[in-house]
Amino acid sequence: MKIMKQLIFGAGVLLSILSSCSSDDFKYESSTVKLLDFQLNDVPWNLNVGISTRPLFVYKDNGEYFANYSSLYPFSLNDGKYKFVASDYPEQMIPSPTNLNDLIVQQPALANQHVNLSDAMPYASPFDQPLTLNIKTRTGILRLKSLDLNADKSYTTIKTTISIKRSGYKVLDGTYINEDMFVTRSKATTSGGVNYAEDFILFQTGDPANNVRIKIECLDQNQQVVKTKEIEGTFAIEASKVTNADFYLNAL
């Protein structure tokens, strides 16, 4: 009986030691992330309290998608190395979990959405140093406007085709996919081209070799081309800025 009591006592002591070790180990398995600052084009930014949007994406050091978090509250991560990416349009920029190495945001087909993303920022435990995530607008606006005062009623639709050189943005290293692409949009007109205006949101061009070109086709009610006009020259697109392209559609 005495031996049995000693065995039970010994087992209890061992269990206590193991529990203590496990508790200590667990204590150092994760660290709290709480020193994040968010900016939007260099201006301090954050969500309003109560909004469920989660602008922060966390990836493992090898690029594997890990999680998506709100910017309002601290959270814990297992100790290790990570990469953080932020956007104020998270659902549009990163709609599904994707490895960071493969993450490319395409030029929106209708050119109607800005691309706003931070650089992929490395961050490692114990996360005790402040980290700033500056969400940058990677796109600008091409604003088309006709200067016509006289209407041409021979057409009812204006079809605009923008020839661009950049088709996507690679989040991992902040580079662009250089590839010829066409963005096309049609707009009905009852004014024969007078007061025609449209905005196209496109990737910033950077080098002049990436400048965009504009072609306009005027179609009748049967969708037959009445006339075609290619706007002279090329146009540079700057991030967060407007590039104006004014022209005459109709002869004066």
C-alpha atoms as a PDB file:
ATOM      1  CA  MET A   1       0.000   0.000   0.000  1.00  0.00           C
ATOM      2  CA  LYS A   2       2.884   2.298   0.911  1.00  0.00           C
ATOM      3  CA  ILE A   3       4.511   1.593  -2.457  1.00  0.00           C
ATOM      4  CA  MET A   4       1.236   2.372  -4.229  1.00  0.00           C
ATOM      5  CA  LYS A   5       0.963   5.729  -2.428  1.00  0.00           C
ATOM      6  CA  GLN A   6       4.526   6.569  -3.403  1.00  0.00           C
ATOM      7  CA  LEU A   7       3.803   5.728  -7.033  1.00  0.00           C
ATOM      8  CA  ILE A   8       0.680   7.883  -7.041  1.00  0.00           C
ATOM      9  CA  PHE A   9       2.545  10.745  -5.387  1.00  0.00           C
ATOM     10  CA  GLY A  10       5.403  10.450  -7.891  1.00  0.00           C
ATOM     11  CA  ALA A  11       2.998  10.430 -10.810  1.00  0.00           C
ATOM     12  CA  GLY A  12       1.320  13.529  -9.430  1.00  0.00           C
ATOM     13  CA  VAL A  13       4.624  15.365  -9.106  1.00  0.00           C
ATOM     14  CA  LEU A  14       5.606  14.360 -12.658  1.00  0.00           C
ATOM     15  CA  LEU A  15       2.255  15.510 -14.030  1.00  0.00           C
ATOM     16  CA  SER A  16       2.647  18.810 -12.222  1.00  0.00           C
ATOM     17  CA  ILE A  17       6.115  19.319 -13.720  1.00  0.00           C
ATOM     18  CA  LEU A  18       4.899  18.441 -17.221  1.00  0.00           C
ATOM     19  CA  SER A  19       1.937  20.782 -16.880  1.00  0.00           C
ATOM     20  CA  SER A  20       4.242  23.564 -15.752  1.00  0.00           C
ATOM     21  CA  CYS A  21       6.562  22.973 -18.709  1.00  0.00           C
ATOM     22  CA  SER A  22       3.646  22.839 -21.134  1.00  0.00           C
ATOM     23  CA  SER A  23       2.328  26.082 -19.708  1.00  0.00           C
ATOM     24  CA  ASP A  24       5.714  27.753 -20.110  1.00  0.00           C
ATOM     25  CA  ASP A  25       6.096  26.412 -23.647  1.00  0.00           C
ATOM     26  CA  PHE A  26       2.639  27.662 -24.603  1.00  0.00           C
ATOM     27  CA  LYS A  27       3.482  31.048 -23.187  1.00  0.00           C
ATOM     28  CA  TYR A  28       6.208  31.462 -25.796  1.00  0.00           C
ATOM     29  CA  GLU A  29       4.440  29.852 -28.755  1.00  0.00           C
ATOM     30  CA  SER A  30       2.676  33.028 -29.820  1.00  0.00           C
ATOM     31  CA  SER A  31       3.053  36.787 -29.633  1.00  0.00           C
ATOM     32  CA  THR A  32       0.545  39.610 -29.887  1.00  0.00           C
ATOM     33  CA  VAL A  33       0.538  41.925 -32.889  1.00  0.00           C
ATOM     34  CA  LYS A  34      -0.490  45.378 -31.703  1.00  0.00           C
ATOM     35  CA  LEU A  35       2.016  47.914 -33.055  1.00  0.00           C
ATOM     36  CA  LEU A  36       0.584  48.372 -36.549  1.00  0.00           C
ATOM     37  CA  ASP A  37       0.014  51.769 -38.146  1.00  0.00           C
ATOM     38  CA  PHE A  38      -2.016  52.104 -41.333  1.00  0.00           C
ATOM     39  CA  GLN A  39      -1.739  54.843 -43.938  1.00  0.00           C
ATOM     40  CA  LEU A  40      -3.539  55.544 -47.198  1.00  0.00           C
ATOM     41  CA  ASN A  41      -1.197  57.310 -49.605  1.00  0.00           C
ATOM     42  CA  ASP A  42       0.928  58.575 -46.694  1.00  0.00           C
ATOM     43  CA  VAL A  43      -2.073  59.832 -44.673  1.00  0.00           C
ATOM     44  CA  PRO A  44      -3.019  58.063 -41.391  1.00  0.00           C
ATOM     45  CA  TRP A  45      -5.932  55.696 -41.991  1.00  0.00           C
ATOM     46  CA  ASN A  46      -8.022  53.155 -40.139  1.00  0.00           C
ATOM     47  CA  LEU A  47     -11.472  51.637 -40.132  1.00  0.00           C
ATOM     48  CA  ASN A  48     -14.319  53.188 -38.210  1.00  0.00           C
ATOM     49  CA  VAL A  49     -15.295  51.156 -35.156  1.00  0.00           C
ATOM     50  CA  GLY A  50     -18.011  48.627 -35.933  1.00  0.00           C
ATOM     51  CA  ILE A  51     -17.078  48.062 -39.569  1.00  0.00           C
ATOM     52  CA  SER A  52     -16.509  44.388 -40.337  1.00  0.00           C
ATOM     53  CA  THR A  53     -14.050  44.923 -43.211  1.00  0.00           C
ATOM     54  CA  ARG A  54     -10.733  43.139 -42.664  1.00  0.00           C
ATOM     55  CA  PRO A  55      -8.012  45.083 -44.493  1.00  0.00           C
ATOM     56  CA  LEU A  56      -4.976  43.114 -43.276  1.00  0.00           C
ATOM     57  CA  PHE A  57      -3.703  39.960 -44.983  1.00  0.00           C
ATOM     58  CA  VAL A  58      -1.054  37.812 -43.307  1.00  0.00           C
ATOM     59  CA  TYR A  59       1.194  35.373 -45.177  1.00  0.00           C
ATOM     60  CA  LYS A  60       3.822  32.978 -43.918  1.00  0.00           C
ATOM     61  CA  ASP A  61       7.420  33.754 -44.809  1.00  0.00           C
ATOM     62  CA  ASN A  62       7.270  31.264 -47.703  1.00  0.00           C
ATOM     63  CA  GLY A  63       4.246  33.072 -49.176  1.00  0.00           C
ATOM     64  CA  GLU A  64       1.559  30.673 -47.953  1.00  0.00           C
ATOM     65  CA  TYR A  65      -1.704  32.442 -47.145  1.00  0.00           C
ATOM     66  CA  PHE A  66      -2.313  32.475 -43.388  1.00  0.00           C
ATOM     67  CA  ALA A  67      -5.205  34.734 -42.334  1.00  0.00           C
ATOM     68  CA  ASN A  68      -7.202  37.927 -42.836  1.00  0.00           C
ATOM     69  CA  TYR A  69      -7.624  40.333 -39.896  1.00  0.00           C
ATOM     70  CA  SER A  70      -9.351  43.552 -38.901  1.00  0.00           C
ATOM     71  CA  SER A  71      -7.114  46.543 -38.284  1.00  0.00           C
ATOM     72  CA  LEU A  72      -9.063  47.545 -35.178  1.00  0.00           C
ATOM     73  CA  TYR A  73      -7.920  44.934 -32.672  1.00  0.00           C
ATOM     74  CA  PRO A  74      -4.675  43.230 -31.577  1.00  0.00           C
ATOM     75  CA  PHE A  75      -4.297  39.558 -32.521  1.00  0.00           C
ATOM     76  CA  SER A  76      -1.853  36.740 -31.807  1.00  0.00           C
ATOM     77  CA  LEU A  77       0.365  34.839 -34.229  1.00  0.00           C
ATOM     78  CA  ASN A  78       2.570  31.834 -33.707  1.00  0.00           C
ATOM     79  CA  ASP A  79       6.150  32.969 -33.358  1.00  0.00           C
ATOM     80  CA  GLY A  80       7.922  33.163 -36.697  1.00  0.00           C
ATOM     81  CA  LYS A  81       8.381  35.299 -39.805  1.00  0.00           C
ATOM     82  CA  TYR A  82       5.486  36.691 -41.829  1.00  0.00           C
ATOM     83  CA  LYS A  83       4.608  39.143 -44.576  1.00  0.00           C
ATOM     84  CA  PHE A  84       1.751  41.626 -44.156  1.00  0.00           C
ATOM     85  CA  VAL A  85      -0.315  43.238 -46.941  1.00  0.00           C
ATOM     86  CA  ALA A  86      -3.093  45.803 -46.450  1.00  0.00           C
ATOM     87  CA  SER A  87      -5.862  47.290 -48.604  1.00  0.00           C
ATOM     88  CA  ASP A  88      -8.860  49.523 -48.037  1.00  0.00           C
ATOM     89  CA  TYR A  89     -10.674  47.435 -50.698  1.00  0.00           C
ATOM     90  CA  PRO A  90      -9.742  43.963 -49.394  1.00  0.00           C
ATOM     91  CA  GLU A  91     -12.622  42.024 -50.956  1.00  0.00           C
ATOM     92  CA  GLN A  92     -11.932  43.483 -54.385  1.00  0.00           C
ATOM     93  CA  MET A  93      -8.134  43.270 -54.228  1.00  0.00           C
ATOM     94  CA  ILE A  94      -7.762  39.779 -52.719  1.00  0.00           C
ATOM     95  CA  PRO A  95     -11.136  38.004 -53.091  1.00  0.00           C
ATOM     96  CA  SER A  96      -9.843  34.525 -52.226  1.00  0.00           C
ATOM     97  CA  PRO A  97      -6.877  32.976 -50.349  1.00  0.00           C
ATOM     98  CA  THR A  98      -3.888  32.911 -52.695  1.00  0.00           C
ATOM     99  CA  ASN A  99      -0.194  32.246 -52.163  1.00  0.00           C
ATOM    100  CA  LEU A 100       1.596  35.598 -52.052  1.00  0.00           C
ATOM    101  CA  ASN A 101       4.117  34.362 -54.626  1.00  0.00           C
ATOM    102  CA  ASP A 102       1.263  33.909 -57.100  1.00  0.00           C
ATOM    103  CA  LEU A 103      -0.861  36.923 -56.158  1.00  0.00           C
ATOM    104  CA  ILE A 104      -1.466  39.194 -59.148  1.00  0.00           C
ATOM    105  CA  VAL A 105      -4.183  41.853 -59.207  1.00  0.00           C
ATOM    106  CA  GLN A 106      -5.461  42.142 -62.765  1.00  0.00           C
ATOM    107  CA  GLN A 107      -6.352  45.361 -64.533  1.00  0.00           C
ATOM    108  CA  PRO A 108     -10.161  45.540 -64.038  1.00  0.00           C
ATOM    109  CA  ALA A 109     -11.761  44.730 -67.380  1.00  0.00           C
ATOM    110  CA  LEU A 110     -14.111  47.721 -67.193  1.00  0.00           C
ATOM    111  CA  ALA A 111     -11.441  50.049 -65.776  1.00  0.00           C
ATOM    112  CA  ASN A 112     -13.806  51.066 -62.990  1.00  0.00           C
ATOM    113  CA  GLN A 113     -11.895  50.089 -59.829  1.00  0.00           C
ATOM    114  CA  HIS A 114      -8.793  51.563 -58.212  1.00  0.00           C
ATOM    115  CA  VAL A 115      -6.048  49.162 -57.124  1.00  0.00           C
ATOM    116  CA  ASN A 116      -5.037  50.085 -53.569  1.00  0.00           C
ATOM    117  CA  LEU A 117      -2.461  47.871 -51.867  1.00  0.00           C
ATOM    118  CA  SER A 118       0.465  48.242 -49.504  1.00  0.00           C
ATOM    119  CA  ASP A 119       3.841  46.726 -50.197  1.00  0.00           C
ATOM    120  CA  ALA A 120       4.309  43.204 -48.803  1.00  0.00           C
ATOM    121  CA  MET A 121       6.000  44.071 -45.500  1.00  0.00           C
ATOM    122  CA  PRO A 122       8.103  41.508 -43.577  1.00  0.00           C
ATOM    123  CA  TYR A 123       7.320  41.210 -39.849  1.00  0.00           C
ATOM    124  CA  ALA A 124       8.717  38.750 -37.317  1.00  0.00           C
ATOM    125  CA  SER A 125       7.999  37.784 -33.713  1.00  0.00           C
ATOM    126  CA  PRO A 126       7.999  39.014 -31.026  1.00  0.00           C
ATOM    127  CA  PHE A 127       6.364  41.846 -33.035  1.00  0.00           C
ATOM    128  CA  ASP A 128       7.692  44.433 -30.596  1.00  0.00           C
ATOM    129  CA  GLN A 129       8.716  46.982 -33.249  1.00  0.00           C
ATOM    130  CA  PRO A 130       6.174  49.348 -34.879  1.00  0.00           C
ATOM    131  CA  LEU A 131       5.242  48.485 -38.466  1.00  0.00           C
ATOM    132  CA  THR A 132       3.660  50.957 -40.896  1.00  0.00           C
ATOM    133  CA  LEU A 133       1.517  49.606 -43.716  1.00  0.00           C
ATOM    134  CA  ASN A 134       1.103  52.357 -46.304  1.00  0.00           C
ATOM    135  CA  ILE A 135      -1.730  51.489 -48.684  1.00  0.00           C
ATOM    136  CA  LYS A 136      -0.784  53.015 -52.023  1.00  0.00           C
ATOM    137  CA  THR A 137      -2.996  53.702 -55.007  1.00  0.00           C
ATOM    138  CA  ARG A 138      -1.404  51.955 -57.971  1.00  0.00           C
ATOM    139  CA  THR A 139      -3.827  53.424 -60.519  1.00  0.00           C
ATOM    140  CA  GLY A 140      -4.780  56.787 -61.987  1.00  0.00           C
ATOM    141  CA  ILE A 141      -7.689  58.149 -64.011  1.00  0.00           C
ATOM    142  CA  LEU A 142      -7.778  58.762 -67.751  1.00  0.00           C
ATOM    143  CA  ARG A 143     -10.573  61.303 -68.276  1.00  0.00           C
ATOM    144  CA  LEU A 144     -11.992  61.520 -71.797  1.00  0.00           C
ATOM    145  CA  LYS A 145     -14.040  64.538 -72.831  1.00  0.00           C
ATOM    146  CA  SER A 146     -15.397  65.712 -76.164  1.00  0.00           C
ATOM    147  CA  LEU A 147     -15.211  69.423 -76.953  1.00  0.00           C
ATOM    148  CA  ASP A 148     -17.903  69.315 -79.628  1.00  0.00           C
ATOM    149  CA  LEU A 149     -20.607  71.965 -79.761  1.00  0.00           C
ATOM    150  CA  ASN A 150     -22.351  70.524 -82.825  1.00  0.00           C
ATOM    151  CA  ALA A 151     -24.085  67.146 -82.646  1.00  0.00           C
ATOM    152  CA  ASP A 152     -23.733  64.343 -85.178  1.00  0.00           C
ATOM    153  CA  LYS A 153     -26.918  62.291 -85.051  1.00  0.00           C
ATOM    154  CA  SER A 154     -25.598  59.610 -87.398  1.00  0.00           C
ATOM    155  CA  TYR A 155     -24.448  57.546 -84.406  1.00  0.00           C
ATOM    156  CA  THR A 156     -26.060  56.451 -81.143  1.00  0.00           C
ATOM    157  CA  THR A 157     -23.210  54.634 -79.398  1.00  0.00           C
ATOM    158  CA  ILE A 158     -19.646  55.639 -78.621  1.00  0.00           C
ATOM    159  CA  LYS A 159     -17.278  52.694 -78.259  1.00  0.00           C
ATOM    160  CA  THR A 160     -13.931  53.523 -76.665  1.00  0.00           C
ATOM    161  CA  THR A 161     -10.916  51.218 -76.710  1.00  0.00           C
ATOM    162  CA  ILE A 162      -7.876  51.974 -74.562  1.00  0.00           C
ATOM    163  CA  SER A 163      -4.650  50.219 -75.525  1.00  0.00           C
ATOM    164  CA  ILE A 164      -2.542  49.606 -72.414  1.00  0.00           C
ATOM    165  CA  LYS A 165       0.810  47.978 -71.684  1.00  0.00           C
ATOM    166  CA  ARG A 166       0.263  46.833 -68.105  1.00  0.00           C
ATOM    167  CA  SER A 167      -2.218  44.062 -67.389  1.00  0.00           C
ATOM    168  CA  GLY A 168      -1.546  43.295 -63.715  1.00  0.00           C
ATOM    169  CA  TYR A 169       0.203  44.157 -60.466  1.00  0.00           C
ATOM    170  CA  LYS A 170       2.365  41.609 -58.630  1.00  0.00           C
ATOM    171  CA  VAL A 171       1.906  42.121 -54.898  1.00  0.00           C
ATOM    172  CA  LEU A 172       4.991  40.210 -53.706  1.00  0.00           C
ATOM    173  CA  ASP A 173       7.545  42.635 -55.128  1.00  0.00           C
ATOM    174  CA  GLY A 174       5.447  45.607 -56.245  1.00  0.00           C
ATOM    175  CA  THR A 175       6.110  45.131 -59.954  1.00  0.00           C
ATOM    176  CA  TYR A 176       3.765  45.242 -62.933  1.00  0.00           C
ATOM    177  CA  ILE A 177       2.980  42.631 -65.554  1.00  0.00           C
ATOM    178  CA  ASN A 178       3.919  44.178 -68.889  1.00  0.00           C
ATOM    179  CA  GLU A 179       1.509  42.787 -71.437  1.00  0.00           C
ATOM    180  CA  ASP A 180      -0.532  44.368 -74.220  1.00  0.00           C
ATOM    181  CA  MET A 181      -4.206  44.598 -73.312  1.00  0.00           C
ATOM    182  CA  PHE A 182      -7.325  46.407 -74.498  1.00  0.00           C
ATOM    183  CA  VAL A 183      -9.961  47.939 -72.254  1.00  0.00           C
ATOM    184  CA  THR A 184     -13.231  48.507 -74.129  1.00  0.00           C
ATOM    185  CA  ARG A 185     -16.383  50.268 -73.063  1.00  0.00           C
ATOM    186  CA  SER A 186     -19.512  51.354 -74.965  1.00  0.00           C
ATOM    187  CA  LYS A 187     -21.767  54.246 -74.034  1.00  0.00           C
ATOM    188  CA  ALA A 188     -25.077  55.288 -75.559  1.00  0.00           C
ATOM    189  CA  THR A 189     -25.422  58.894 -76.682  1.00  0.00           C
ATOM    190  CA  THR A 190     -28.512  60.895 -77.588  1.00  0.00           C
ATOM    191  CA  SER A 191     -26.549  64.109 -78.013  1.00  0.00           C
ATOM    192  CA  GLY A 192     -24.500  63.104 -81.034  1.00  0.00           C
ATOM    193  CA  GLY A 193     -21.257  63.215 -79.077  1.00  0.00           C
ATOM    194  CA  VAL A 194     -21.816  66.575 -77.383  1.00  0.00           C
ATOM    195  CA  ASN A 195     -20.798  66.466 -73.699  1.00  0.00           C
ATOM    196  CA  TYR A 196     -19.396  62.954 -74.021  1.00  0.00           C
ATOM    197  CA  ALA A 197     -17.194  62.197 -71.007  1.00  0.00           C
ATOM    198  CA  GLU A 198     -15.864  59.031 -69.392  1.00  0.00           C
ATOM    199  CA  ASP A 199     -13.307  58.032 -66.785  1.00  0.00           C
ATOM    200  CA  PHE A 200     -11.055  54.985 -67.134  1.00  0.00           C
ATOM    201  CA  ILE A 201      -9.076  53.778 -64.109  1.00  0.00           C
ATOM    202  CA  LEU A 202      -5.772  52.318 -65.274  1.00  0.00           C
ATOM    203  CA  PHE A 203      -2.437  51.243 -63.813  1.00  0.00           C
ATOM    204  CA  GLN A 204       0.170  53.982 -63.550  1.00  0.00           C
ATOM    205  CA  THR A 205       2.385  53.831 -66.611  1.00  0.00           C
ATOM    206  CA  GLY A 206       5.785  54.829 -65.202  1.00  0.00           C
ATOM    207  CA  ASP A 207       7.985  54.614 -68.279  1.00  0.00           C
ATOM    208  CA  PRO A 208       6.771  56.509 -71.406  1.00  0.00           C
ATOM    209  CA  ALA A 209       6.933  53.215 -73.292  1.00  0.00           C
ATOM    210  CA  ASN A 210       3.914  52.147 -71.228  1.00  0.00           C
ATOM    211  CA  ASN A 211       1.747  55.152 -72.134  1.00  0.00           C
ATOM    212  CA  VAL A 212      -1.779  54.386 -73.317  1.00  0.00           C
ATOM    213  CA  ARG A 213      -3.506  55.032 -76.643  1.00  0.00           C
ATOM    214  CA  ILE A 214      -7.151  55.887 -77.325  1.00  0.00           C
ATOM    215  CA  LYS A 215      -9.372  54.742 -80.172  1.00  0.00           C
ATOM    216  CA  ILE A 216     -13.021  55.757 -80.546  1.00  0.00           C
ATOM    217  CA  GLU A 217     -15.637  54.182 -82.808  1.00  0.00           C
ATOM    218  CA  CYS A 218     -19.047  55.747 -83.395  1.00  0.00           C
ATOM    219  CA  LEU A 219     -21.806  53.201 -84.079  1.00  0.00           C
ATOM    220  CA  ASP A 220     -25.319  53.640 -85.457  1.00  0.00           C
ATOM    221  CA  GLN A 221     -28.470  52.034 -84.083  1.00  0.00           C
ATOM    222  CA  ASN A 222     -27.607  48.804 -85.921  1.00  0.00           C
ATOM    223  CA  GLN A 223     -24.203  48.732 -84.224  1.00  0.00           C
ATOM    224  CA  GLN A 224     -22.451  49.458 -87.488  1.00  0.00           C
ATOM    225  CA  VAL A 225     -19.360  51.662 -87.365  1.00  0.00           C
ATOM    226  CA  VAL A 226     -20.089  55.104 -88.782  1.00  0.00           C
ATOM    227  CA  LYS A 227     -16.665  56.589 -88.145  1.00  0.00           C
ATOM    228  CA  THR A 228     -13.461  55.882 -86.271  1.00  0.00           C
ATOM    229  CA  LYS A 229     -11.159  58.318 -84.540  1.00  0.00           C
ATOM    230  CA  GLU A 230      -7.749  57.588 -83.031  1.00  0.00           C
ATOM    231  CA  ILE A 231      -6.700  60.270 -80.578  1.00  0.00           C
ATOM    232  CA  GLU A 232      -3.294  61.652 -81.486  1.00  0.00           C
ATOM    233  CA  GLY A 233      -0.393  60.871 -79.172  1.00  0.00           C
ATOM    234  CA  THR A 234      -0.072  58.731 -76.067  1.00  0.00           C
ATOM    235  CA  PHE A 235      -1.060  59.434 -72.489  1.00  0.00           C
ATOM    236  CA  ALA A 236       0.803  58.863 -69.236  1.00  0.00           C
ATOM    237  CA  ILE A 237      -1.146  57.666 -66.196  1.00  0.00           C
ATOM    238  CA  GLU A 238       0.031  58.767 -62.753  1.00  0.00           C
ATOM    239  CA  ALA A 239      -1.059  57.173 -59.493  1.00  0.00           C
ATOM    240  CA  SER A 240      -3.909  59.033 -57.741  1.00  0.00           C
ATOM    241  CA  LYS A 241      -3.971  61.688 -60.467  1.00  0.00           C
ATOM    242  CA  VAL A 242      -6.186  62.561 -63.431  1.00  0.00           C
ATOM    243  CA  THR A 243      -4.900  62.625 -67.009  1.00  0.00           C
ATOM    244  CA  ASN A 244      -7.182  64.658 -69.276  1.00  0.00           C
ATOM    245  CA  ALA A 245      -7.734  63.744 -72.915  1.00  0.00           C
ATOM    246  CA  ASP A 246      -9.876  66.387 -74.650  1.00  0.00           C
ATOM    247  CA  PHE A 247     -10.819  66.017 -78.312  1.00  0.00           C
ATOM    248  CA  TYR A 248     -13.386  66.660 -81.022  1.00  0.00           C
ATOM    249  CA  LEU A 249     -15.487  63.763 -82.216  1.00  0.00           C
ATOM    250  CA  ASN A 250     -17.351  65.695 -84.900  1.00  0.00           C
ATOM    251  CA  ALA A 251     -16.130  68.059 -87.600  1.00  0.00           C
ATOM    252  CA  LEU A 252     -16.746  71.721 -86.782  1.00  0.00           C
END
